Amino acid sequence: MPDKLLFLTGHLAEARLNGTLAEIGLPEDTFEVRNVGIKVAALMTEKILKNRLEAPLVADRVILPGRVRMDLQSLGDHFGVPFELGPEELIDLPQFLGRGGKPPDLSQYDINIFAEIVEAPELPLDELIARALKHKSAGADVIDLGCRPDVPFPGLEDAVKALKAEGLKVSVDSGDWEELRRAAQAGADFVLSLDEDHLEVVAGTKCVPVLIPREHGDIDSLVRAIEKAEALGIPHLADPILDPIHFGFMKSLERYADLRRRCPDVEMLMGTGNLTELTEADSQGLTAMLVGICSELNIRNVLIVQVSPHTTRTVEEHDAARRLMFRAREDNALPKGYGGGLLSLHDLRPFPQTPDEIAKAAAAIRDANFRIEPSTQGLHIYNRFGHNVEADPFELFGKLGVEEDGSHAFYLGYELAKAEIARTLGKRYTQDRPLDWGVAADAPNEDMIHHAPEGATLRAARELAEQKREEARKEAAEKLEAAKKDGGAASKPPPKA
């Protein structure tokens, strides 16, 4: 049986919420919309809900507007029903309810990320550990120590042991068989890479080798290495090696597919850096495509590297991509409609309201606070005194009446600049919130229980208003005092002649 959903809303959004739910086609007996008696739904509070909702609630889940800030656990305990935040915009509700009335579960994945530290031999140990822990927090499962040709790594054993002491899995990547032997004996979990002639490097250890062809592109030799490792009882991964575009990229993809056909059960690894690092394009799309290929071919390990400045978020991108592809594959669906943060420059639905809907909302406003919303028509800014729309934000300034209020003008300029960027790119804009860049940037920490405190410009405006009121009060008092003195002088008899 589907969950019975209770949607809580306010006066302004009630009609749109009902219309959106009707378009979705949810059976009428599976949901209820309840107006809690306030105008703006986002301003409902925990106290209001506890005072106005009567328990028990006939629902399995209560969906709140995404912009409310309150203690959901406290509400759930009070009413005995789980409370959760829905999307911030009604236009996103169909996606939110698209899979059994629940948002997609992106918590699962089955691809391990090997994050390489390419300059490992040259880093002080404390800096190496800090870098490794940062990769781990971004989603890496294995920290790969990249060795360099002709660069000695006397601290290799100490580095492996230090990272292991931090609870990390460690791999070592080198073309020097002796370095790989030292890594295996020091306790490394993996070494990259061995061919069919060098399996003795890991003899007597629990280290898992990543196997590669003896000659580049020689899949037959890679298959022989796999068979030899199996005969020796050595666990292993296999990597046919991905080549850059115009230097064998398509043929290298064919090698991965060929190896999967020839060895259906072998664990495989793909190094994605030859594409992400060596292609001057935003790497999120490349990463999604490569991880999608891994998902189809059941390649459950990826080696990533970050050297170029345009790939500074590559660990986060691979983490988001593996979660997206896992979920879509499990649902037997396209990797679309799940979110997950891989859309950074553009949004699927950049404008939550049409110009007509914005105009209708503007007409209902009865206070002086400015609201800013972009649309296909331009930048909208409105309050009770008017609704202005311009494609160029500079055309708006003279219509706002803030020439004498520097702090307010600064705030509006800042917000209009954000709104113009969002409109130009086709991104979602929300007033008083940072633009959402997905996994391309860290999201700011946000208090999900309390609304944000007033900002510096609002405080400055409030202080300026108080200052002006105080100055006006003093001026009035001075005038009154002067009037009293003048009146007293006028009431005295004239001097005698």
Protein backbone atom coordinates (compact mmCIF):
# COMPACT_ATOMS: atom_id res chain seq x y z
CA MET A 1 0.00 0.00 0.00
CA PRO A 2 1.33 3.51 -0.79
CA ASP A 3 2.01 5.90 2.08
CA LYS A 4 -0.74 8.32 3.05
CA LEU A 5 0.83 11.77 2.66
CA LEU A 6 -0.20 14.96 4.45
CA PHE A 7 1.03 18.18 2.80
CA LEU A 8 1.08 21.30 4.98
CA THR A 9 0.94 24.70 3.29
CA GLY A 10 -0.24 28.32 3.56
CA HIS A 11 -2.74 30.57 1.79
CA LEU A 12 -0.51 31.72 -1.08
CA ALA A 13 0.69 28.26 -2.13
CA GLU A 14 -2.43 26.18 -1.46
CA ALA A 15 -3.99 26.48 -4.92
CA ARG A 16 -0.69 25.79 -6.72
CA LEU A 17 0.01 22.79 -4.48
CA ASN A 18 -3.39 21.29 -5.19
CA GLY A 19 -2.94 21.92 -8.90
CA THR A 20 0.51 20.32 -8.94
CA LEU A 21 -0.73 17.23 -7.09
CA ALA A 22 -3.62 16.94 -9.54
CA GLU A 23 -1.18 17.03 -12.46
CA ILE A 24 0.98 14.36 -10.89
CA GLY A 25 -1.99 12.04 -10.74
CA LEU A 26 -1.64 10.78 -7.17
CA PRO A 27 -4.74 8.79 -6.16
CA GLU A 28 -7.01 11.03 -4.09
CA ASP A 29 -7.08 8.62 -1.17
CA THR A 30 -3.28 8.72 -0.80
CA PHE A 31 -2.84 12.37 0.18
CA GLU A 32 -4.35 15.39 1.89
CA VAL A 33 -3.49 19.10 1.63
CA ARG A 34 -4.00 21.14 4.78
CA ASN A 35 -3.68 24.92 5.06
CA VAL A 36 -2.32 25.71 8.54
CA GLY A 37 -3.73 29.22 8.46
CA ILE A 38 -0.74 31.36 7.58
CA LYS A 39 -0.07 33.37 4.45
CA VAL A 40 3.50 32.30 3.59
CA ALA A 41 4.06 28.57 4.03
CA ALA A 42 7.80 28.92 4.64
CA LEU A 43 7.12 30.96 7.79
CA MET A 44 5.20 28.26 9.63
CA THR A 45 6.76 27.33 12.97
CA GLU A 46 6.88 24.32 15.24
CA LYS A 47 4.68 26.17 17.75
CA ILE A 48 2.06 26.95 15.10
CA LEU A 49 1.88 23.32 14.00
CA LYS A 50 1.62 21.96 17.55
CA ASN A 51 -1.17 24.45 18.31
CA ARG A 52 -3.17 24.03 15.09
CA LEU A 53 -2.83 20.37 14.15
CA GLU A 54 -4.89 17.90 16.13
CA ALA A 55 -3.38 14.51 16.91
CA PRO A 56 -3.58 11.81 15.80
CA LEU A 57 -2.76 12.73 12.21
CA VAL A 58 -4.24 10.41 9.60
CA ALA A 59 -1.00 10.09 7.63
CA ASP A 60 2.10 7.96 7.29
CA ARG A 61 4.33 10.93 6.43
CA VAL A 62 3.94 14.71 6.73
CA ILE A 63 5.55 16.77 3.97
CA LEU A 64 6.56 20.33 4.83
CA PRO A 65 7.59 23.10 2.43
CA GLY A 66 11.32 22.86 1.80
CA ARG A 67 12.08 26.35 3.15
CA VAL A 68 10.68 25.90 6.64
CA ARG A 69 13.14 25.63 9.50
CA MET A 70 12.06 23.63 12.53
CA ASP A 71 12.90 20.53 14.56
CA LEU A 72 11.41 17.71 12.49
CA GLN A 73 12.31 15.08 15.08
CA SER A 74 10.45 17.00 17.78
CA LEU A 75 7.37 17.24 15.56
CA GLY A 76 7.55 13.56 14.70
CA ASP A 77 7.78 12.61 18.36
CA HIS A 78 4.87 14.92 19.24
CA PHE A 79 2.48 13.61 16.57
CA GLY A 80 3.79 10.08 16.20
CA VAL A 81 4.27 10.53 12.44
CA PRO A 82 7.51 11.26 10.52
CA PHE A 83 7.85 14.87 9.35
CA GLU A 84 10.14 15.63 6.41
CA LEU A 85 11.07 18.53 4.15
CA GLY A 86 9.77 18.46 0.62
CA PRO A 87 11.33 20.45 -2.23
CA GLU A 88 11.76 24.19 -1.89
CA GLU A 89 9.82 24.85 -5.10
CA LEU A 90 6.53 23.29 -6.16
CA ILE A 91 7.90 22.79 -9.66
CA ASP A 92 10.21 20.12 -8.15
CA LEU A 93 7.43 18.20 -6.40
CA PRO A 94 6.82 15.72 -9.25
CA GLN A 95 10.47 14.63 -9.11
CA PHE A 96 10.31 14.44 -5.31
CA LEU A 97 7.27 12.15 -5.50
CA GLY A 98 8.40 10.29 -8.60
CA ARG A 99 9.44 7.04 -6.96
CA GLY A 100 6.85 5.81 -4.52
CA GLY A 101 6.35 9.26 -3.10
CA LYS A 102 9.93 9.39 -1.82
CA PRO A 103 13.05 11.22 -2.97
CA PRO A 104 15.67 8.97 -4.62
CA ASP A 105 18.04 7.11 -2.32
CA LEU A 106 21.55 8.06 -3.40
CA SER A 107 23.26 6.57 -0.37
CA GLN A 108 24.38 3.37 -2.10
CA TYR A 109 27.15 2.63 -4.60
CA ASP A 110 29.31 -0.31 -5.67
CA ILE A 111 32.35 1.40 -7.23
CA ASN A 112 35.49 2.01 -5.17
CA ILE A 113 37.42 5.23 -5.71
CA PHE A 114 41.23 5.07 -5.69
CA ALA A 115 42.38 8.68 -5.20
CA GLU A 116 45.99 9.18 -6.28
CA ILE A 117 48.37 11.63 -4.60
CA VAL A 118 50.78 12.14 -7.48
CA GLU A 119 53.50 13.99 -5.56
CA ALA A 120 53.56 11.55 -2.63
CA PRO A 121 57.39 11.05 -2.57
CA GLU A 122 57.95 14.81 -2.11
CA LEU A 123 55.38 15.55 0.60
CA PRO A 124 56.18 15.70 4.32
CA LEU A 125 54.41 12.87 6.13
CA ASP A 126 52.00 15.14 8.02
CA GLU A 127 50.96 16.86 4.80
CA LEU A 128 50.54 13.50 3.07
CA ILE A 129 48.25 12.30 5.84
CA ALA A 130 46.23 15.54 5.72
CA ARG A 131 45.81 15.20 1.93
CA ALA A 132 44.75 11.57 2.30
CA LEU A 133 42.16 12.37 4.95
CA LYS A 134 40.76 15.15 2.77
CA HIS A 135 40.35 12.70 -0.12
CA LYS A 136 38.69 10.25 2.25
CA SER A 137 36.18 12.85 3.43
CA ALA A 138 35.38 13.68 -0.22
CA GLY A 139 34.52 10.05 -0.99
CA ALA A 140 37.76 8.16 -1.66
CA ASP A 141 37.90 4.52 -0.54
CA VAL A 142 41.59 3.91 -1.25
CA ILE A 143 44.47 6.40 -1.09
CA ASP A 144 46.92 5.79 -3.92
CA LEU A 145 50.54 6.89 -3.44
CA GLY A 146 51.89 7.86 -6.85
CA CYS A 147 55.60 7.19 -7.27
CA ARG A 148 57.61 9.14 -9.85
CA PRO A 149 60.23 7.84 -12.25
CA ASP A 150 63.75 8.61 -11.06
CA VAL A 151 62.41 10.23 -7.87
CA PRO A 152 63.48 8.23 -4.79
CA PHE A 153 60.84 7.49 -2.14
CA PRO A 154 62.85 6.56 0.97
CA GLY A 155 59.81 7.18 3.20
CA LEU A 156 57.53 4.79 1.29
CA GLU A 157 57.23 2.25 4.08
CA ASP A 158 56.61 4.95 6.69
CA ALA A 159 53.94 6.53 4.48
CA VAL A 160 52.10 3.24 3.98
CA LYS A 161 52.18 2.43 7.69
CA ALA A 162 51.09 5.95 8.71
CA LEU A 163 48.10 5.91 6.40
CA LYS A 164 47.14 2.43 7.54
CA ALA A 165 47.33 3.66 11.14
CA GLU A 166 44.72 6.27 10.18
CA GLY A 167 42.37 3.46 9.14
CA LEU A 168 42.85 4.08 5.41
CA LYS A 169 43.23 1.57 2.62
CA VAL A 170 46.41 2.22 0.66
CA SER A 171 47.62 1.50 -2.85
CA VAL A 172 51.00 2.32 -4.38
CA ASP A 173 51.40 3.13 -8.07
CA SER A 174 54.86 2.73 -9.59
CA GLY A 175 56.68 1.47 -12.65
CA ASP A 176 59.53 0.29 -10.43
CA TRP A 177 59.05 -3.34 -9.42
CA GLU A 178 61.25 -2.91 -6.34
CA GLU A 179 59.13 0.00 -5.08
CA LEU A 180 56.02 -2.13 -5.50
CA ARG A 181 57.69 -4.98 -3.60
CA ARG A 182 58.57 -2.62 -0.74
CA ALA A 183 54.97 -1.32 -0.71
CA ALA A 184 53.51 -4.84 -0.57
CA GLN A 185 55.82 -5.85 2.26
CA ALA A 186 55.00 -2.64 4.18
CA GLY A 187 51.32 -3.59 4.20
CA ALA A 188 49.84 -1.79 1.18
CA ASP A 189 46.43 -3.14 0.23
CA PHE A 190 47.02 -2.78 -3.53
CA VAL A 191 49.89 -2.16 -5.93
CA LEU A 192 49.57 -0.72 -9.44
CA SER A 193 50.56 -2.31 -11.73
CA LEU A 194 51.94 -5.78 -12.43
CA ASP A 195 52.02 -7.85 -15.61
CA GLU A 196 52.19 -11.61 -16.10
CA ASP A 197 55.97 -11.67 -15.55
CA HIS A 198 56.09 -9.92 -12.17
CA LEU A 199 53.48 -11.49 -9.90
CA GLU A 200 56.23 -12.56 -7.52
CA VAL A 201 56.36 -8.92 -6.34
CA VAL A 202 53.42 -9.62 -4.00
CA ALA A 203 54.52 -13.11 -2.99
CA GLY A 204 54.07 -13.80 0.71
CA THR A 205 51.84 -10.75 1.27
CA LYS A 206 48.11 -10.03 1.28
CA CYS A 207 48.58 -7.20 -1.23
CA VAL A 208 46.21 -7.24 -4.22
CA PRO A 209 47.91 -6.43 -7.53
CA VAL A 210 46.29 -4.49 -10.35
CA LEU A 211 47.17 -6.41 -13.50
CA ILE A 212 47.95 -4.72 -16.83
CA PRO A 213 49.00 -5.97 -20.29
CA ARG A 214 52.70 -6.73 -20.73
CA GLU A 215 52.66 -4.56 -23.86
CA HIS A 216 50.18 -1.71 -24.12
CA GLY A 217 46.96 -2.90 -25.71
CA ASP A 218 47.87 -6.63 -25.54
CA ILE A 219 44.68 -8.07 -24.04
CA ASP A 220 45.92 -11.64 -24.54
CA SER A 221 48.79 -11.00 -22.12
CA LEU A 222 46.37 -9.46 -19.61
CA VAL A 223 44.17 -12.55 -19.81
CA ARG A 224 47.23 -14.73 -19.24
CA ALA A 225 48.13 -12.63 -16.17
CA ILE A 226 44.60 -13.11 -14.83
CA GLU A 227 44.77 -16.85 -15.35
CA LYS A 228 48.22 -17.05 -13.71
CA ALA A 229 47.03 -15.05 -10.68
CA GLU A 230 44.00 -17.32 -10.33
CA ALA A 231 46.23 -20.42 -10.51
CA LEU A 232 48.44 -18.98 -7.75
CA GLY A 233 45.44 -18.00 -5.63
CA ILE A 234 46.31 -14.30 -5.77
CA PRO A 235 43.31 -11.92 -5.58
CA HIS A 236 43.63 -9.28 -8.29
CA LEU A 237 42.11 -6.45 -10.31
CA ALA A 238 42.58 -6.04 -14.06
CA ASP A 239 43.04 -2.78 -15.98
CA PRO A 240 43.22 -2.73 -19.82
CA ILE A 241 44.20 1.00 -19.46
CA LEU A 242 42.13 3.92 -20.77
CA ASP A 243 43.82 6.08 -23.41
CA PRO A 244 43.27 9.82 -24.12
CA ILE A 245 41.10 11.10 -26.97
CA HIS A 246 42.90 10.90 -30.35
CA PHE A 247 45.48 8.56 -28.83
CA GLY A 248 43.48 5.35 -28.77
CA PHE A 249 40.49 6.32 -26.62
CA MET A 250 37.88 4.38 -28.59
CA LYS A 251 40.08 1.29 -28.95
CA SER A 252 40.80 1.35 -25.24
CA LEU A 253 37.06 1.35 -24.48
CA GLU A 254 36.72 -1.66 -26.76
CA ARG A 255 39.42 -3.40 -24.72
CA TYR A 256 37.41 -3.01 -21.53
CA ALA A 257 34.34 -4.50 -23.22
CA ASP A 258 36.44 -7.30 -24.74
CA LEU A 259 37.99 -8.20 -21.39
CA ARG A 260 34.56 -8.29 -19.75
CA ARG A 261 33.35 -10.72 -22.44
CA ARG A 262 36.42 -12.93 -22.08
CA CYS A 263 36.58 -12.80 -18.28
CA PRO A 264 32.99 -12.25 -17.04
CA ASP A 265 33.87 -12.47 -13.35
CA VAL A 266 37.18 -10.61 -13.13
CA GLU A 267 37.30 -7.54 -10.91
CA MET A 268 38.32 -4.57 -13.07
CA LEU A 269 39.71 -1.08 -12.58
CA MET A 270 39.55 1.93 -14.88
CA GLY A 271 41.86 4.93 -14.54
CA THR A 272 39.81 7.95 -15.61
CA GLY A 273 42.53 10.61 -15.44
CA ASN A 274 43.61 10.19 -19.06
CA LEU A 275 40.25 11.64 -20.03
CA THR A 276 39.38 14.06 -17.21
CA GLU A 277 42.89 15.52 -16.92
CA LEU A 278 43.74 15.57 -20.62
CA THR A 279 40.49 17.05 -21.98
CA GLU A 280 39.87 20.76 -21.45
CA ALA A 281 36.19 20.45 -20.72
CA ASP A 282 34.23 20.61 -17.50
CA SER A 283 34.99 17.23 -16.04
CA GLN A 284 31.60 16.42 -14.52
CA GLY A 285 30.11 15.26 -17.81
CA LEU A 286 33.18 13.22 -18.69
CA THR A 287 33.13 11.63 -15.26
CA ALA A 288 29.43 10.77 -15.51
CA MET A 289 29.97 9.12 -18.90
CA LEU A 290 32.99 7.08 -17.75
CA VAL A 291 31.29 5.95 -14.55
CA GLY A 292 28.23 5.04 -16.63
CA ILE A 293 30.49 2.81 -18.77
CA CYS A 294 31.86 1.25 -15.58
CA SER A 295 28.31 0.65 -14.38
CA GLU A 296 27.36 -1.15 -17.61
CA LEU A 297 30.54 -3.26 -17.67
CA ASN A 298 30.48 -3.98 -13.92
CA ILE A 299 33.84 -2.26 -13.41
CA ARG A 300 33.83 -1.69 -9.68
CA ASN A 301 37.02 0.31 -9.20
CA VAL A 302 38.18 3.64 -10.61
CA LEU A 303 41.57 5.31 -10.23
CA ILE A 304 41.32 9.09 -10.24
CA VAL A 305 43.95 11.78 -10.27
CA GLN A 306 43.84 15.54 -9.73
CA VAL A 307 46.63 17.61 -11.22
CA SER A 308 44.94 20.10 -13.53
CA PRO A 309 43.13 23.02 -11.83
CA HIS A 310 39.91 22.22 -13.68
CA THR A 311 39.63 18.85 -11.91
CA THR A 312 39.94 20.04 -8.31
CA ARG A 313 36.60 18.40 -7.43
CA THR A 314 37.20 15.10 -9.20
CA VAL A 315 36.79 12.94 -6.07
CA GLU A 316 33.42 14.56 -5.33
CA GLU A 317 32.37 14.18 -8.97
CA HIS A 318 33.21 10.47 -9.09
CA ASP A 319 31.42 9.97 -5.78
CA ALA A 320 28.27 11.65 -7.09
CA ALA A 321 28.45 9.78 -10.39
CA ARG A 322 28.80 6.33 -8.82
CA ARG A 323 25.75 6.96 -6.61
CA LEU A 324 23.70 8.21 -9.55
CA MET A 325 24.60 5.27 -11.79
CA PHE A 326 24.00 2.69 -9.07
CA ARG A 327 20.54 4.06 -8.34
CA ALA A 328 19.54 4.29 -12.01
CA ARG A 329 20.80 0.77 -12.75
CA GLU A 330 18.98 -0.68 -9.74
CA ASP A 331 15.79 1.06 -10.86
CA ASN A 332 16.32 -0.10 -14.46
CA ALA A 333 16.04 3.57 -15.40
CA LEU A 334 17.91 6.30 -17.22
CA PRO A 335 20.31 8.34 -15.04
CA LYS A 336 17.86 11.23 -15.19
CA GLY A 337 15.54 12.75 -12.64
CA TYR A 338 17.63 11.75 -9.62
CA GLY A 339 19.54 14.96 -8.87
CA GLY A 340 22.82 14.26 -7.16
CA GLY A 341 24.81 17.40 -7.89
CA LEU A 342 26.31 16.76 -11.33
CA LEU A 343 24.37 19.64 -12.88
CA SER A 344 26.39 22.71 -11.88
CA LEU A 345 26.23 25.29 -14.66
CA HIS A 346 22.59 24.78 -15.60
CA ASP A 347 19.43 23.47 -13.96
CA LEU A 348 16.68 21.36 -15.50
CA ARG A 349 14.02 23.74 -14.19
CA PRO A 350 15.74 27.09 -13.66
CA PHE A 351 12.58 29.18 -13.26
CA PRO A 352 10.16 27.87 -10.62
CA GLN A 353 7.40 30.32 -11.63
CA THR A 354 6.21 31.79 -14.89
CA PRO A 355 6.09 35.59 -15.31
CA ASP A 356 2.29 35.45 -14.83
CA GLU A 357 2.66 33.50 -11.59
CA ILE A 358 5.25 35.98 -10.33
CA ALA A 359 2.92 38.87 -11.19
CA LYS A 360 0.08 37.20 -9.27
CA ALA A 361 2.33 36.70 -6.24
CA ALA A 362 3.52 40.33 -6.46
CA ALA A 363 -0.05 41.61 -6.46
CA ALA A 364 -0.68 39.83 -3.15
CA ILE A 365 2.27 41.40 -1.32
CA ARG A 366 1.34 43.92 1.36
CA ASP A 367 4.73 44.79 2.89
CA ALA A 368 7.73 46.86 1.80
CA ASN A 369 10.29 44.03 1.64
CA PHE A 370 11.70 43.49 -1.84
CA ARG A 371 11.35 40.05 -3.48
CA ILE A 372 13.64 39.14 -6.38
CA GLU A 373 12.91 36.43 -8.92
CA PRO A 374 14.36 35.77 -12.39
CA SER A 375 12.20 34.46 -15.22
CA THR A 376 12.34 34.10 -18.98
CA GLN A 377 11.09 37.69 -19.12
CA GLY A 378 13.85 39.26 -17.02
CA LEU A 379 14.62 40.10 -13.41
CA HIS A 380 11.54 40.74 -11.29
CA ILE A 381 11.72 42.85 -8.12
CA TYR A 382 8.57 43.73 -6.24
CA ASN A 383 7.00 44.82 -2.97
CA ARG A 384 3.74 46.55 -2.05
CA PHE A 385 4.83 49.72 -3.86
CA GLY A 386 5.30 48.12 -7.26
CA HIS A 387 6.50 45.31 -9.51
CA ASN A 388 9.36 46.05 -11.89
CA VAL A 389 10.86 43.79 -14.55
CA GLU A 390 14.03 44.43 -16.55
CA ALA A 391 16.55 42.27 -18.40
CA ASP A 392 19.33 44.64 -17.29
CA PRO A 393 19.56 45.02 -13.48
CA PHE A 394 21.04 48.51 -13.87
CA GLU A 395 17.70 49.64 -15.28
CA LEU A 396 16.03 48.74 -11.98
CA PHE A 397 18.00 50.91 -9.58
CA GLY A 398 16.21 54.18 -10.25
CA LYS A 399 12.84 52.53 -9.61
CA LEU A 400 13.59 51.17 -6.15
CA GLY A 401 13.86 54.33 -4.06
CA VAL A 402 16.95 53.25 -2.13
CA GLU A 403 19.29 56.06 -3.20
CA GLU A 404 19.56 57.31 0.37
CA ASP A 405 19.88 53.85 1.94
CA GLY A 406 23.38 52.60 1.18
CA SER A 407 23.14 49.30 3.05
CA HIS A 408 19.86 48.38 1.37
CA ALA A 409 21.20 49.37 -2.04
CA PHE A 410 24.29 47.20 -1.46
CA TYR A 411 22.12 44.22 -0.52
CA LEU A 412 19.84 44.60 -3.53
CA GLY A 413 22.81 45.02 -5.88
CA TYR A 414 24.39 41.85 -4.55
CA GLU A 415 21.18 39.84 -4.88
CA LEU A 416 20.40 41.18 -8.34
CA ALA A 417 23.90 40.25 -9.51
CA LYS A 418 23.33 36.68 -8.29
CA ALA A 419 19.94 36.63 -9.99
CA GLU A 420 21.44 37.87 -13.27
CA ILE A 421 24.14 35.18 -13.19
CA ALA A 422 21.51 32.52 -12.52
CA ARG A 423 19.25 33.79 -15.28
CA THR A 424 22.11 33.99 -17.79
CA LEU A 425 23.22 30.42 -17.08
CA GLY A 426 19.76 28.95 -16.62
CA LYS A 427 20.30 28.20 -12.94
CA ARG A 428 17.92 28.25 -10.01
CA TYR A 429 18.05 31.42 -7.90
CA THR A 430 16.76 31.70 -4.35
CA GLN A 431 16.92 35.06 -2.60
CA ASP A 432 19.25 35.21 0.42
CA ARG A 433 20.80 31.85 -0.46
CA PRO A 434 24.05 31.05 -2.28
CA LEU A 435 23.75 29.73 -5.82
CA ASP A 436 23.83 25.93 -5.85
CA TRP A 437 26.86 24.70 -7.80
CA GLY A 438 26.26 21.01 -7.05
CA VAL A 439 29.43 19.02 -6.34
CA ALA A 440 31.50 21.75 -8.03
CA ALA A 441 31.69 23.68 -4.74
CA ASP A 442 31.18 23.00 -1.07
CA ALA A 443 27.67 23.76 0.09
CA PRO A 444 27.53 26.15 3.07
CA ASN A 445 26.46 24.68 6.38
CA GLU A 446 22.82 25.49 6.96
CA ASP A 447 20.77 25.45 10.14
CA MET A 448 17.73 23.31 9.29
CA ILE A 449 15.90 24.24 12.50
CA HIS A 450 16.20 28.04 12.64
CA HIS A 451 15.86 30.66 9.92
CA ALA A 452 19.01 32.60 9.15
CA PRO A 453 19.64 35.66 11.35
CA GLU A 454 19.38 39.06 9.75
CA GLY A 455 22.36 39.95 7.60
CA ALA A 456 24.76 42.86 7.91
CA THR A 457 22.89 45.07 5.45
CA LEU A 458 19.58 44.54 7.23
CA ARG A 459 21.19 45.27 10.57
CA ALA A 460 22.77 48.41 9.10
CA ALA A 461 19.43 49.53 7.70
CA ARG A 462 17.75 48.91 11.04
CA GLU A 463 20.49 50.80 12.88
CA LEU A 464 20.26 53.68 10.41
CA ALA A 465 16.50 53.88 10.89
CA GLU A 466 16.93 53.89 14.67
CA GLN A 467 19.58 56.58 14.36
CA LYS A 468 17.28 58.74 12.23
CA ARG A 469 14.42 58.24 14.70
CA GLU A 470 16.71 59.24 17.57
CA GLU A 471 17.88 62.32 15.67
CA ALA A 472 14.27 63.25 14.90
CA ARG A 473 13.32 62.76 18.57
CA LYS A 474 16.19 65.01 19.73
CA GLU A 475 15.31 67.63 17.14
CA ALA A 476 11.66 67.62 18.26
CA ALA A 477 12.73 67.87 21.91
CA GLU A 478 15.04 70.79 21.12
CA LYS A 479 12.25 72.58 19.22
CA LEU A 480 9.88 72.00 22.12
CA GLU A 481 12.43 73.34 24.59
CA ALA A 482 13.06 76.38 22.37
CA ALA A 483 9.33 76.99 22.08
CA LYS A 484 8.96 76.86 25.87
CA LYS A 485 11.76 79.43 26.27
CA ASP A 486 10.24 81.69 23.63
CA GLY A 487 6.81 81.34 25.23
CA GLY A 488 8.21 82.16 28.66
CA ALA A 489 9.91 85.27 27.30
CA ALA A 490 6.71 86.42 25.59
CA SER A 491 4.68 86.12 28.81
CA LYS A 492 6.94 88.55 30.81
CA PRO A 493 5.71 92.19 31.16
CA PRO A 494 7.62 94.73 29.09
CA PRO A 495 10.27 96.68 30.96
CA LYS A 496 9.31 100.08 32.48
CA ALA A 497 10.30 103.25 30.69
